[in-house]
Amino acid sequence: MLHCYRKDPAFVSEPDFVMELDGELIGQVIYVRSEIDCDDGRKVPIMTFGPIGIAQKYKRQGYGKHLLDYSMEKAKEMGVGALAITGNILFYGKSGFVPAKTKGIRYADDPEADYFLIKELMPDFLGGISGTYKDPEGYFVCEKYPDAFEKYEATFPKKEKLKLPGQLF
């Protein structure tokens, strides 16, 4: 997904970061433009990010939160008003995210989702807004181009798919 998404027009390079420790790549985060389709017909630009990933042996040591907070500060400096993410409130809540439905924003795929989270980077950015958020099209590269995805994946060693602590699905 990341390989393709960095070529997508929604990709935003400024807050796209990798994290290194002693010359080893241990983490990454990617940001893309997205929007809220407001109930009054407006479209409010925001951003989303993810996946955010930390190498397994460095998880639960604060690196993910550090990478997230650093990248969010860069997004704020760029003038981004809010960020949306589908994720675990136990992790993202530590960085100020709340269930989006508490701010009047619904997730198109599951309007009552507690795992659809939002954070205002500008105070009261979401004031008076109600609407729906839909994942950017680029997130579905695997579904749109299954043959290309499988061909690219085949260039890597096979891995067992695991469900690790903190994952929603």
N, C-alpha and C. Protein backbone atom coordinates (compact mmCIF):
# COMPACT_ATOMS: atom_id res chain seq x y z
N MET A 1 0.82 -1.18 0.00
CA MET A 1 0.00 0.00 0.00
C MET A 1 0.87 1.25 0.00
N LEU A 2 1.86 1.31 0.89
CA LEU A 2 2.70 2.50 0.97
C LEU A 2 3.45 2.74 -0.33
N HIS A 3 3.91 1.67 -0.94
CA HIS A 3 4.64 1.77 -2.20
C HIS A 3 3.81 2.52 -3.25
N CYS A 4 2.53 2.20 -3.32
CA CYS A 4 1.64 2.85 -4.28
C CYS A 4 1.17 4.21 -3.78
N TYR A 5 0.90 4.31 -2.50
CA TYR A 5 0.28 5.53 -1.97
C TYR A 5 1.18 6.76 -2.09
N ARG A 6 2.46 6.55 -2.03
CA ARG A 6 3.36 7.70 -2.16
C ARG A 6 3.31 8.32 -3.55
N LYS A 7 2.66 7.64 -4.50
CA LYS A 7 2.47 8.18 -5.86
C LYS A 7 1.08 8.78 -6.03
N ASP A 8 0.23 8.63 -5.03
CA ASP A 8 -1.16 9.09 -5.09
C ASP A 8 -1.21 10.62 -4.94
N PRO A 9 -2.10 11.30 -5.67
CA PRO A 9 -2.21 12.76 -5.54
C PRO A 9 -2.59 13.23 -4.13
N ALA A 10 -3.21 12.37 -3.33
CA ALA A 10 -3.59 12.75 -1.96
C ALA A 10 -2.42 12.69 -0.99
N PHE A 11 -1.33 12.05 -1.38
CA PHE A 11 -0.16 11.92 -0.51
C PHE A 11 0.42 13.29 -0.18
N VAL A 12 0.81 13.48 1.08
CA VAL A 12 1.41 14.73 1.55
C VAL A 12 2.80 14.38 2.08
N SER A 13 3.82 14.88 1.42
CA SER A 13 5.19 14.46 1.77
C SER A 13 5.73 15.09 3.05
N GLU A 14 5.30 16.30 3.39
CA GLU A 14 5.91 16.99 4.53
C GLU A 14 5.85 16.22 5.85
N PRO A 15 4.69 15.66 6.24
CA PRO A 15 4.67 14.90 7.50
C PRO A 15 4.87 13.39 7.31
N ASP A 16 5.41 12.98 6.17
CA ASP A 16 5.72 11.57 5.91
C ASP A 16 7.11 11.31 6.48
N PHE A 17 7.17 10.55 7.56
CA PHE A 17 8.44 10.35 8.25
C PHE A 17 8.77 8.88 8.44
N VAL A 18 10.06 8.62 8.50
CA VAL A 18 10.57 7.34 8.97
C VAL A 18 11.35 7.62 10.25
N MET A 19 11.47 6.61 11.09
CA MET A 19 12.19 6.76 12.34
C MET A 19 13.36 5.77 12.33
N GLU A 20 14.53 6.29 12.66
CA GLU A 20 15.72 5.44 12.73
C GLU A 20 16.26 5.44 14.15
N LEU A 21 16.84 4.33 14.51
CA LEU A 21 17.53 4.19 15.79
C LEU A 21 18.86 3.52 15.52
N ASP A 22 19.94 4.22 15.78
CA ASP A 22 21.28 3.69 15.53
C ASP A 22 21.42 3.15 14.11
N GLY A 23 20.88 3.89 13.14
CA GLY A 23 20.99 3.52 11.74
C GLY A 23 20.00 2.47 11.27
N GLU A 24 19.15 1.97 12.15
CA GLU A 24 18.15 0.96 11.80
C GLU A 24 16.80 1.63 11.63
N LEU A 25 16.12 1.33 10.54
CA LEU A 25 14.77 1.84 10.31
C LEU A 25 13.83 1.10 11.24
N ILE A 26 13.17 1.85 12.15
CA ILE A 26 12.29 1.18 13.13
C ILE A 26 10.84 1.63 13.05
N GLY A 27 10.55 2.68 12.27
CA GLY A 27 9.17 3.13 12.21
C GLY A 27 8.90 4.03 11.03
N GLN A 28 7.61 4.24 10.77
CA GLN A 28 7.20 5.12 9.67
C GLN A 28 5.76 5.58 9.90
N VAL A 29 5.44 6.71 9.28
CA VAL A 29 4.06 7.21 9.24
C VAL A 29 3.88 7.94 7.91
N ILE A 30 2.68 7.87 7.36
CA ILE A 30 2.36 8.51 6.10
C ILE A 30 1.06 9.31 6.29
N TYR A 31 0.98 10.47 5.65
CA TYR A 31 -0.20 11.35 5.72
C TYR A 31 -0.78 11.56 4.33
N VAL A 32 -2.11 11.69 4.29
CA VAL A 32 -2.81 11.96 3.03
C VAL A 32 -3.95 12.94 3.28
N ARG A 33 -4.27 13.67 2.21
CA ARG A 33 -5.40 14.59 2.27
C ARG A 33 -6.70 13.79 2.30
N SER A 34 -7.65 14.28 3.05
CA SER A 34 -8.97 13.69 3.09
C SER A 34 -9.96 14.82 3.36
N GLU A 35 -11.21 14.47 3.58
CA GLU A 35 -12.20 15.52 3.80
C GLU A 35 -13.41 14.99 4.53
N ILE A 36 -14.14 15.93 5.09
CA ILE A 36 -15.43 15.64 5.71
C ILE A 36 -16.49 16.16 4.76
N ASP A 37 -17.42 15.29 4.38
CA ASP A 37 -18.58 15.70 3.58
C ASP A 37 -19.63 16.18 4.57
N CYS A 38 -19.77 17.49 4.68
CA CYS A 38 -20.67 18.08 5.67
C CYS A 38 -22.13 17.91 5.27
N ASP A 39 -22.98 17.82 6.28
CA ASP A 39 -24.41 17.67 6.06
C ASP A 39 -25.00 18.87 5.32
N ASP A 40 -24.34 20.04 5.39
CA ASP A 40 -24.84 21.24 4.71
C ASP A 40 -24.29 21.38 3.29
N GLY A 41 -23.55 20.33 2.81
CA GLY A 41 -23.06 20.35 1.44
C GLY A 41 -21.61 20.78 1.28
N ARG A 42 -21.04 21.37 2.31
CA ARG A 42 -19.62 21.77 2.23
C ARG A 42 -18.71 20.55 2.30
N LYS A 43 -17.51 20.73 1.82
CA LYS A 43 -16.44 19.74 2.00
C LYS A 43 -15.34 20.43 2.78
N VAL A 44 -15.01 19.86 3.95
CA VAL A 44 -13.99 20.46 4.81
C VAL A 44 -12.73 19.61 4.72
N PRO A 45 -11.64 20.21 4.23
CA PRO A 45 -10.40 19.45 4.10
C PRO A 45 -9.76 19.18 5.46
N ILE A 46 -9.35 17.93 5.63
CA ILE A 46 -8.59 17.51 6.80
C ILE A 46 -7.50 16.58 6.28
N MET A 47 -6.83 15.89 7.17
CA MET A 47 -5.89 14.85 6.77
C MET A 47 -6.14 13.60 7.58
N THR A 48 -5.66 12.51 7.04
CA THR A 48 -5.61 11.26 7.78
C THR A 48 -4.18 10.74 7.67
N PHE A 49 -3.87 9.77 8.45
CA PHE A 49 -2.53 9.21 8.42
C PHE A 49 -2.61 7.72 8.63
N GLY A 50 -1.52 7.09 8.38
CA GLY A 50 -1.44 5.67 8.61
C GLY A 50 -1.30 4.91 7.30
N PRO A 51 -0.75 3.80 7.40
CA PRO A 51 -0.45 3.20 8.68
C PRO A 51 0.75 3.85 9.36
N ILE A 52 0.71 3.82 10.67
CA ILE A 52 1.87 4.18 11.46
C ILE A 52 2.41 2.84 11.98
N GLY A 53 3.67 2.62 11.80
CA GLY A 53 4.21 1.32 12.18
C GLY A 53 5.54 1.43 12.90
N ILE A 54 5.73 0.57 13.85
CA ILE A 54 6.98 0.46 14.59
C ILE A 54 7.42 -1.00 14.52
N ALA A 55 8.70 -1.23 14.26
CA ALA A 55 9.23 -2.59 14.21
C ALA A 55 8.88 -3.33 15.50
N GLN A 56 8.56 -4.60 15.36
CA GLN A 56 8.05 -5.38 16.48
C GLN A 56 8.90 -5.29 17.74
N LYS A 57 10.22 -5.37 17.62
CA LYS A 57 11.05 -5.38 18.83
C LYS A 57 11.11 -4.03 19.53
N TYR A 58 10.56 -2.98 18.91
CA TYR A 58 10.56 -1.64 19.52
C TYR A 58 9.16 -1.19 19.95
N LYS A 59 8.18 -2.06 19.78
CA LYS A 59 6.81 -1.69 20.18
C LYS A 59 6.71 -1.56 21.70
N ARG A 60 5.74 -0.75 22.12
CA ARG A 60 5.42 -0.53 23.54
C ARG A 60 6.60 0.07 24.32
N GLN A 61 7.39 0.87 23.61
CA GLN A 61 8.50 1.57 24.25
C GLN A 61 8.41 3.08 24.05
N GLY A 62 7.28 3.56 23.50
CA GLY A 62 7.07 4.99 23.32
C GLY A 62 7.46 5.53 21.96
N TYR A 63 8.05 4.69 21.10
CA TYR A 63 8.48 5.18 19.80
C TYR A 63 7.30 5.57 18.90
N GLY A 64 6.22 4.79 18.93
CA GLY A 64 5.06 5.10 18.12
C GLY A 64 4.42 6.42 18.52
N LYS A 65 4.27 6.64 19.81
CA LYS A 65 3.70 7.90 20.29
C LYS A 65 4.60 9.07 19.92
N HIS A 66 5.90 8.89 20.06
CA HIS A 66 6.83 9.96 19.70
C HIS A 66 6.73 10.30 18.21
N LEU A 67 6.69 9.29 17.36
CA LEU A 67 6.57 9.51 15.92
C LEU A 67 5.24 10.18 15.59
N LEU A 68 4.18 9.71 16.20
CA LEU A 68 2.86 10.30 15.96
C LEU A 68 2.83 11.76 16.39
N ASP A 69 3.26 12.04 17.61
CA ASP A 69 3.20 13.42 18.11
C ASP A 69 4.08 14.36 17.28
N TYR A 70 5.26 13.89 16.88
CA TYR A 70 6.15 14.70 16.05
C TYR A 70 5.49 15.01 14.71
N SER A 71 4.92 13.99 14.08
CA SER A 71 4.31 14.20 12.77
C SER A 71 3.05 15.08 12.86
N MET A 72 2.30 14.93 13.95
CA MET A 72 1.12 15.79 14.12
C MET A 72 1.52 17.25 14.29
N GLU A 73 2.61 17.49 14.97
CA GLU A 73 3.09 18.87 15.13
C GLU A 73 3.45 19.46 13.77
N LYS A 74 4.06 18.67 12.91
CA LYS A 74 4.39 19.14 11.55
C LYS A 74 3.12 19.42 10.76
N ALA A 75 2.11 18.55 10.89
CA ALA A 75 0.83 18.78 10.20
C ALA A 75 0.19 20.08 10.70
N LYS A 76 0.25 20.30 12.01
CA LYS A 76 -0.31 21.53 12.58
C LYS A 76 0.41 22.76 12.02
N GLU A 77 1.72 22.69 11.92
CA GLU A 77 2.50 23.80 11.35
C GLU A 77 2.12 24.08 9.90
N MET A 78 1.64 23.05 9.21
CA MET A 78 1.20 23.20 7.82
C MET A 78 -0.20 23.81 7.73
N GLY A 79 -0.88 23.98 8.87
CA GLY A 79 -2.21 24.57 8.87
C GLY A 79 -3.34 23.56 8.81
N VAL A 80 -3.04 22.29 9.04
CA VAL A 80 -4.08 21.26 9.05
C VAL A 80 -4.97 21.48 10.27
N GLY A 81 -6.28 21.48 10.06
CA GLY A 81 -7.22 21.76 11.14
C GLY A 81 -7.57 20.56 11.99
N ALA A 82 -7.61 19.37 11.36
CA ALA A 82 -8.00 18.16 12.10
C ALA A 82 -7.43 16.94 11.41
N LEU A 83 -7.27 15.88 12.19
CA LEU A 83 -6.80 14.59 11.70
C LEU A 83 -7.81 13.52 12.06
N ALA A 84 -8.03 12.59 11.15
CA ALA A 84 -8.93 11.46 11.39
C ALA A 84 -8.15 10.16 11.23
N ILE A 85 -8.56 9.14 11.98
CA ILE A 85 -7.90 7.83 11.90
C ILE A 85 -8.87 6.76 12.40
N THR A 86 -8.80 5.59 11.81
CA THR A 86 -9.47 4.44 12.41
C THR A 86 -8.41 3.74 13.24
N GLY A 87 -8.65 3.62 14.51
CA GLY A 87 -7.62 3.04 15.37
C GLY A 87 -8.09 2.80 16.78
N ASN A 88 -7.15 2.39 17.59
CA ASN A 88 -7.39 2.01 18.97
C ASN A 88 -7.31 3.24 19.87
N ILE A 89 -8.40 3.58 20.53
CA ILE A 89 -8.44 4.75 21.42
C ILE A 89 -7.42 4.62 22.56
N LEU A 90 -7.09 3.41 22.95
CA LEU A 90 -6.11 3.24 24.03
C LEU A 90 -4.74 3.78 23.63
N PHE A 91 -4.41 3.72 22.34
CA PHE A 91 -3.15 4.30 21.85
C PHE A 91 -3.35 5.76 21.46
N TYR A 92 -4.28 6.01 20.55
CA TYR A 92 -4.44 7.35 20.00
C TYR A 92 -5.03 8.35 21.00
N GLY A 93 -5.77 7.87 21.97
CA GLY A 93 -6.30 8.77 22.99
C GLY A 93 -5.21 9.47 23.78
N LYS A 94 -4.06 8.83 23.92
CA LYS A 94 -2.92 9.43 24.64
C LYS A 94 -2.37 10.65 23.92
N SER A 95 -2.72 10.78 22.64
CA SER A 95 -2.28 11.93 21.86
C SER A 95 -3.43 12.88 21.56
N GLY A 96 -4.54 12.74 22.29
CA GLY A 96 -5.63 13.70 22.19
C GLY A 96 -6.77 13.34 21.25
N PHE A 97 -6.76 12.15 20.67
CA PHE A 97 -7.85 11.74 19.79
C PHE A 97 -9.07 11.35 20.62
N VAL A 98 -10.24 11.59 20.04
CA VAL A 98 -11.52 11.22 20.67
C VAL A 98 -12.36 10.53 19.61
N PRO A 99 -13.37 9.75 20.03
CA PRO A 99 -14.29 9.19 19.03
C PRO A 99 -14.91 10.33 18.20
N ALA A 100 -14.82 10.21 16.89
CA ALA A 100 -15.26 11.29 16.00
C ALA A 100 -16.74 11.59 16.16
N LYS A 101 -17.53 10.57 16.48
CA LYS A 101 -18.97 10.80 16.62
C LYS A 101 -19.28 11.79 17.74
N THR A 102 -18.37 11.96 18.71
CA THR A 102 -18.58 12.95 19.78
C THR A 102 -18.40 14.37 19.25
N LYS A 103 -17.81 14.50 18.07
CA LYS A 103 -17.63 15.81 17.43
C LYS A 103 -18.58 16.00 16.25
N GLY A 104 -19.52 15.05 16.07
CA GLY A 104 -20.49 15.18 14.99
C GLY A 104 -20.02 14.63 13.66
N ILE A 105 -18.94 13.86 13.66
CA ILE A 105 -18.39 13.31 12.42
C ILE A 105 -18.62 11.80 12.41
N ARG A 106 -19.25 11.31 11.35
CA ARG A 106 -19.55 9.88 11.22
C ARG A 106 -18.59 9.22 10.24
N TYR A 107 -18.31 7.97 10.48
CA TYR A 107 -17.49 7.16 9.58
C TYR A 107 -18.43 6.52 8.57
N ALA A 108 -18.19 6.72 7.29
CA ALA A 108 -19.12 6.25 6.25
C ALA A 108 -19.38 4.75 6.34
N ASP A 109 -18.36 3.97 6.66
CA ASP A 109 -18.52 2.51 6.69
C ASP A 109 -19.17 1.99 7.96
N ASP A 110 -19.25 2.83 9.01
CA ASP A 110 -19.81 2.39 10.29
C ASP A 110 -20.10 3.65 11.13
N PRO A 111 -21.26 4.29 10.90
CA PRO A 111 -21.56 5.58 11.53
C PRO A 111 -21.46 5.61 13.07
N GLU A 112 -21.62 4.50 13.73
CA GLU A 112 -21.55 4.47 15.20
C GLU A 112 -20.18 4.00 15.71
N ALA A 113 -19.20 3.91 14.82
CA ALA A 113 -17.88 3.36 15.17
C ALA A 113 -17.21 4.13 16.31
N ASP A 114 -16.85 3.40 17.35
CA ASP A 114 -16.05 3.99 18.43
C ASP A 114 -14.57 4.05 18.04
N TYR A 115 -14.18 3.28 17.03
CA TYR A 115 -12.78 3.22 16.59
C TYR A 115 -12.44 4.28 15.54
N PHE A 116 -13.43 5.04 15.07
CA PHE A 116 -13.15 6.14 14.16
C PHE A 116 -12.89 7.37 15.03
N LEU A 117 -11.65 7.85 14.98
CA LEU A 117 -11.18 8.88 15.91
C LEU A 117 -10.82 10.15 15.18
N ILE A 118 -10.86 11.26 15.92
CA ILE A 118 -10.51 12.56 15.34
C ILE A 118 -9.80 13.41 16.38
N LYS A 119 -8.96 14.30 15.88
CA LYS A 119 -8.26 15.25 16.76
C LYS A 119 -8.23 16.60 16.05
N GLU A 120 -8.66 17.62 16.77
CA GLU A 120 -8.56 18.97 16.24
C GLU A 120 -7.15 19.48 16.50
N LEU A 121 -6.48 19.93 15.45
CA LEU A 121 -5.17 20.55 15.60
C LEU A 121 -5.30 22.05 15.79
N MET A 122 -6.39 22.61 15.28
CA MET A 122 -6.72 24.01 15.48
C MET A 122 -7.93 24.06 16.41
N PRO A 123 -7.87 24.86 17.45
CA PRO A 123 -9.00 24.91 18.40
C PRO A 123 -10.33 25.20 17.70
N ASP A 124 -11.34 24.43 18.05
CA ASP A 124 -12.71 24.58 17.55
C ASP A 124 -12.82 24.48 16.03
N PHE A 125 -11.88 23.81 15.39
CA PHE A 125 -11.92 23.64 13.93
C PHE A 125 -13.20 22.94 13.50
N LEU A 126 -13.66 22.00 14.31
CA LEU A 126 -14.86 21.23 13.96
C LEU A 126 -16.14 21.83 14.52
N GLY A 127 -16.04 22.98 15.17
CA GLY A 127 -17.23 23.63 15.73
C GLY A 127 -18.27 23.90 14.65
N GLY A 128 -19.49 23.45 14.89
CA GLY A 128 -20.57 23.70 13.94
C GLY A 128 -20.57 22.77 12.73
N ILE A 129 -19.65 21.81 12.69
CA ILE A 129 -19.58 20.89 11.56
C ILE A 129 -20.21 19.56 11.96
N SER A 130 -21.03 19.03 11.10
CA SER A 130 -21.48 17.64 11.22
C SER A 130 -21.41 17.06 9.82
N GLY A 131 -21.00 15.80 9.74
CA GLY A 131 -20.86 15.22 8.42
C GLY A 131 -20.28 13.83 8.47
N THR A 132 -19.85 13.38 7.30
CA THR A 132 -19.37 12.02 7.11
C THR A 132 -17.97 12.03 6.53
N TYR A 133 -17.18 11.10 7.02
CA TYR A 133 -15.82 10.88 6.53
C TYR A 133 -15.77 9.54 5.83
N LYS A 134 -15.10 9.51 4.69
CA LYS A 134 -14.91 8.27 3.95
C LYS A 134 -13.40 8.11 3.73
N ASP A 135 -12.91 6.89 3.90
CA ASP A 135 -11.48 6.65 3.68
C ASP A 135 -11.07 7.07 2.28
N PRO A 136 -9.88 7.68 2.13
CA PRO A 136 -9.39 8.05 0.80
C PRO A 136 -9.26 6.81 -0.10
N GLU A 137 -9.49 6.99 -1.38
CA GLU A 137 -9.44 5.89 -2.35
C GLU A 137 -8.10 5.15 -2.34
N GLY A 138 -7.02 5.88 -2.11
CA GLY A 138 -5.69 5.27 -2.13
C GLY A 138 -5.50 4.16 -1.13
N TYR A 139 -6.29 4.15 -0.07
CA TYR A 139 -6.19 3.09 0.93
C TYR A 139 -6.63 1.74 0.38
N PHE A 140 -7.31 1.75 -0.74
CA PHE A 140 -7.86 0.52 -1.28
C PHE A 140 -7.07 0.01 -2.48
N VAL A 141 -5.80 0.34 -2.53
CA VAL A 141 -4.96 -0.06 -3.66
C VAL A 141 -4.93 -1.57 -3.82
N CYS A 142 -4.96 -2.30 -2.73
CA CYS A 142 -4.92 -3.77 -2.81
C CYS A 142 -6.17 -4.31 -3.51
N GLU A 143 -7.33 -3.68 -3.25
CA GLU A 143 -8.57 -4.11 -3.87
C GLU A 143 -8.67 -3.64 -5.32
N LYS A 144 -8.13 -2.45 -5.60
CA LYS A 144 -8.22 -1.89 -6.95
C LYS A 144 -7.28 -2.58 -7.93
N TYR A 145 -6.11 -2.98 -7.44
CA TYR A 145 -5.09 -3.57 -8.30
C TYR A 145 -4.56 -4.86 -7.68
N PRO A 146 -5.42 -5.87 -7.53
CA PRO A 146 -4.98 -7.08 -6.82
C PRO A 146 -3.80 -7.78 -7.46
N ASP A 147 -3.73 -7.81 -8.79
CA ASP A 147 -2.62 -8.49 -9.45
C ASP A 147 -1.31 -7.77 -9.19
N ALA A 148 -1.32 -6.43 -9.31
CA ALA A 148 -0.10 -5.66 -9.06
C ALA A 148 0.32 -5.78 -7.60
N PHE A 149 -0.65 -5.79 -6.70
CA PHE A 149 -0.34 -5.93 -5.29
C PHE A 149 0.31 -7.28 -5.01
N GLU A 150 -0.28 -8.35 -5.52
CA GLU A 150 0.25 -9.69 -5.30
C GLU A 150 1.66 -9.82 -5.88
N LYS A 151 1.88 -9.24 -7.06
CA LYS A 151 3.20 -9.29 -7.69
C LYS A 151 4.24 -8.57 -6.82
N TYR A 152 3.87 -7.41 -6.31
CA TYR A 152 4.79 -6.66 -5.44
C TYR A 152 5.05 -7.41 -4.14
N GLU A 153 4.00 -7.92 -3.53
CA GLU A 153 4.14 -8.67 -2.27
C GLU A 153 5.04 -9.89 -2.45
N ALA A 154 5.01 -10.51 -3.62
CA ALA A 154 5.80 -11.72 -3.87
C ALA A 154 7.30 -11.44 -3.86
N THR A 155 7.69 -10.17 -3.91
CA THR A 155 9.13 -9.84 -3.88
C THR A 155 9.69 -9.89 -2.46
N PHE A 156 8.83 -10.12 -1.46
CA PHE A 156 9.25 -10.16 -0.06
C PHE A 156 9.15 -11.58 0.48
N PRO A 157 9.93 -11.90 1.50
CA PRO A 157 9.79 -13.23 2.12
C PRO A 157 8.39 -13.38 2.72
N LYS A 158 7.86 -14.59 2.69
CA LYS A 158 6.54 -14.88 3.25
C LYS A 158 6.57 -14.64 4.76
N LYS A 159 5.47 -14.07 5.27
CA LYS A 159 5.32 -13.84 6.70
C LYS A 159 3.98 -14.40 7.15
N GLU A 160 3.95 -14.84 8.38
CA GLU A 160 2.70 -15.31 8.96
C GLU A 160 1.89 -14.10 9.41
N LYS A 161 0.62 -14.05 9.04
CA LYS A 161 -0.24 -12.95 9.47
C LYS A 161 -0.65 -13.19 10.92
N LEU A 162 -0.38 -12.22 11.76
CA LEU A 162 -0.69 -12.31 13.17
C LEU A 162 -1.61 -11.17 13.57
N LYS A 163 -2.36 -11.37 14.62
CA LYS A 163 -3.11 -10.29 15.25
C LYS A 163 -2.41 -10.00 16.56
N LEU A 164 -1.83 -8.82 16.65
CA LEU A 164 -1.03 -8.43 17.80
C LEU A 164 -1.82 -7.52 18.74
N PRO A 165 -1.39 -7.39 19.99
CA PRO A 165 -2.09 -6.51 20.93
C PRO A 165 -2.18 -5.09 20.35
N GLY A 166 -3.33 -4.48 20.48
CA GLY A 166 -3.55 -3.12 20.00
C GLY A 166 -4.18 -3.06 18.62
N GLN A 167 -4.17 -4.16 17.86
CA GLN A 167 -4.80 -4.18 16.55
C GLN A 167 -6.31 -4.32 16.73
N LEU A 168 -7.06 -3.64 15.86
CA LEU A 168 -8.51 -3.73 15.92
C LEU A 168 -9.03 -4.95 15.17
N PHE A 169 -8.42 -5.24 14.01
CA PHE A 169 -8.92 -6.32 13.15
C PHE A 169 -7.84 -7.33 12.91
